[in-house]
């Protein structure tokens, strides 16, 4: 009986480790997405509100140029 309970504990331990690993991976992915959206939002705000910042952001290659932009 002790062998089966040990096997159950080991199985539960691996299940919990796998679940913890999966949750950590999901949290990291969510953090990356949020950070990316934050940077995108700041860039869009600068690009839309301040003409000198527009030039700097365009030079950095972060914001896309308008297709009809000729300069």
C-alpha atoms as a PDB file:
ATOM      1  CA  UNK A   1       0.000   0.000   0.000  1.00  0.00           C
ATOM      2  CA  UNK A   2       2.901   2.344   0.670  1.00  0.00           C
ATOM      3  CA  UNK A   3       4.186   1.832  -2.888  1.00  0.00           C
ATOM      4  CA  UNK A   4       0.916   2.993  -4.431  1.00  0.00           C
ATOM      5  CA  UNK A   5       0.713   6.043  -2.142  1.00  0.00           C
ATOM      6  CA  UNK A   6       4.326   6.922  -3.012  1.00  0.00           C
ATOM      7  CA  UNK A   7       3.492   6.626  -6.704  1.00  0.00           C
ATOM      8  CA  UNK A   8       0.474   8.898  -6.215  1.00  0.00           C
ATOM      9  CA  UNK A   9       2.611  11.481  -4.414  1.00  0.00           C
ATOM     10  CA  UNK A  10       5.222  11.383  -7.176  1.00  0.00           C
ATOM     11  CA  UNK A  11       2.534  11.721  -9.838  1.00  0.00           C
ATOM     12  CA  UNK A  12       0.952  14.637  -7.994  1.00  0.00           C
ATOM     13  CA  UNK A  13       4.349  16.242  -7.590  1.00  0.00           C
ATOM     14  CA  UNK A  14       5.054  16.047 -11.344  1.00  0.00           C
ATOM     15  CA  UNK A  15       1.569  17.332 -12.129  1.00  0.00           C
ATOM     16  CA  UNK A  16       2.046  20.300  -9.811  1.00  0.00           C
ATOM     17  CA  UNK A  17       5.492  21.046 -11.238  1.00  0.00           C
ATOM     18  CA  UNK A  18       4.096  20.936 -14.768  1.00  0.00           C
ATOM     19  CA  UNK A  19       1.199  23.181 -13.812  1.00  0.00           C
ATOM     20  CA  UNK A  20       3.534  25.644 -12.115  1.00  0.00           C
ATOM     21  CA  UNK A  21       5.827  25.686 -15.167  1.00  0.00           C
ATOM     22  CA  UNK A  22       2.847  26.251 -17.472  1.00  0.00           C
ATOM     23  CA  UNK A  23       1.529  29.102 -15.326  1.00  0.00           C
ATOM     24  CA  UNK A  24       4.969  30.741 -15.288  1.00  0.00           C
ATOM     25  CA  UNK A  25       5.166  30.487 -19.085  1.00  0.00           C
ATOM     26  CA  UNK A  26       1.697  32.029 -19.449  1.00  0.00           C
ATOM     27  CA  UNK A  27       2.614  34.859 -17.057  1.00  0.00           C
ATOM     28  CA  UNK A  28       5.819  35.592 -18.992  1.00  0.00           C
ATOM     29  CA  UNK A  29       3.931  35.671 -22.290  1.00  0.00           C
ATOM     30  CA  UNK A  30       1.329  38.042 -20.839  1.00  0.00           C
ATOM     31  CA  UNK A  31       4.061  40.324 -19.470  1.00  0.00           C
ATOM     32  CA  UNK A  32       5.755  40.417 -22.884  1.00  0.00           C
ATOM     33  CA  UNK A  33       2.471  41.293 -24.589  1.00  0.00           C
ATOM     34  CA  UNK A  34       1.671  44.033 -22.065  1.00  0.00           C
ATOM     35  CA  UNK A  35       5.157  45.536 -22.380  1.00  0.00           C
ATOM     36  CA  UNK A  36       4.932  45.440 -26.169  1.00  0.00           C
ATOM     37  CA  UNK A  37       1.532  47.155 -26.105  1.00  0.00           C
ATOM     38  CA  UNK A  38       2.847  49.787 -23.680  1.00  0.00           C
ATOM     39  CA  UNK A  39       5.782  50.618 -25.977  1.00  0.00           C
ATOM     40  CA  UNK A  40       3.472  50.656 -28.992  1.00  0.00           C
ATOM     41  CA  UNK A  41       1.082  53.027 -27.189  1.00  0.00           C
ATOM     42  CA  UNK A  42       3.835  55.443 -26.163  1.00  0.00           C
ATOM     43  CA  UNK A  43       5.250  55.404 -29.691  1.00  0.00           C
ATOM     44  CA  UNK A  44       1.832  56.041 -31.224  1.00  0.00           C
ATOM     45  CA  UNK A  45       1.197  58.881 -28.787  1.00  0.00           C
ATOM     46  CA  UNK A  46       4.513  60.542 -29.612  1.00  0.00           C
ATOM     47  CA  UNK A  47       4.046  59.978 -33.319  1.00  0.00           C
ATOM     48  CA  UNK A  48       0.556  61.508 -33.307  1.00  0.00           C
ATOM     49  CA  UNK A  49       1.060  64.522 -31.032  1.00  0.00           C
ATOM     50  CA  UNK A  50       4.511  66.049 -31.525  1.00  0.00           C
ATOM     51  CA  UNK A  51       5.909  66.752 -35.026  1.00  0.00           C
ATOM     52  CA  UNK A  52       9.596  66.719 -33.898  1.00  0.00           C
ATOM     53  CA  UNK A  53       8.986  63.438 -32.111  1.00  0.00           C
ATOM     54  CA  UNK A  54       7.372  62.159 -35.297  1.00  0.00           C
ATOM     55  CA  UNK A  55      10.633  62.655 -37.152  1.00  0.00           C
ATOM     56  CA  UNK A  56      12.692  61.011 -34.422  1.00  0.00           C
ATOM     57  CA  UNK A  57      10.371  58.038 -34.184  1.00  0.00           C
ATOM     58  CA  UNK A  58      10.319  57.633 -37.961  1.00  0.00           C
ATOM     59  CA  UNK A  59      14.119  57.815 -38.108  1.00  0.00           C
ATOM     60  CA  UNK A  60      14.330  55.119 -35.464  1.00  0.00           C
ATOM     61  CA  UNK A  61      12.181  52.943 -37.716  1.00  0.00           C
ATOM     62  CA  UNK A  62       9.571  52.311 -35.045  1.00  0.00           C
ATOM     63  CA  UNK A  63       6.494  53.964 -36.543  1.00  0.00           C
ATOM     64  CA  UNK A  64       5.423  53.185 -40.083  1.00  0.00           C
ATOM     65  CA  UNK A  65       5.448  55.961 -42.646  1.00  0.00           C
ATOM     66  CA  UNK A  66       2.265  56.986 -44.329  1.00  0.00           C
ATOM     67  CA  UNK A  67       2.211  55.554 -47.877  1.00  0.00           C
ATOM     68  CA  UNK A  68       1.641  59.022 -49.386  1.00  0.00           C
ATOM     69  CA  UNK A  69       4.524  60.584 -47.441  1.00  0.00           C
ATOM     70  CA  UNK A  70       7.111  61.858 -49.936  1.00  0.00           C
ATOM     71  CA  UNK A  71       9.969  63.255 -47.815  1.00  0.00           C
END
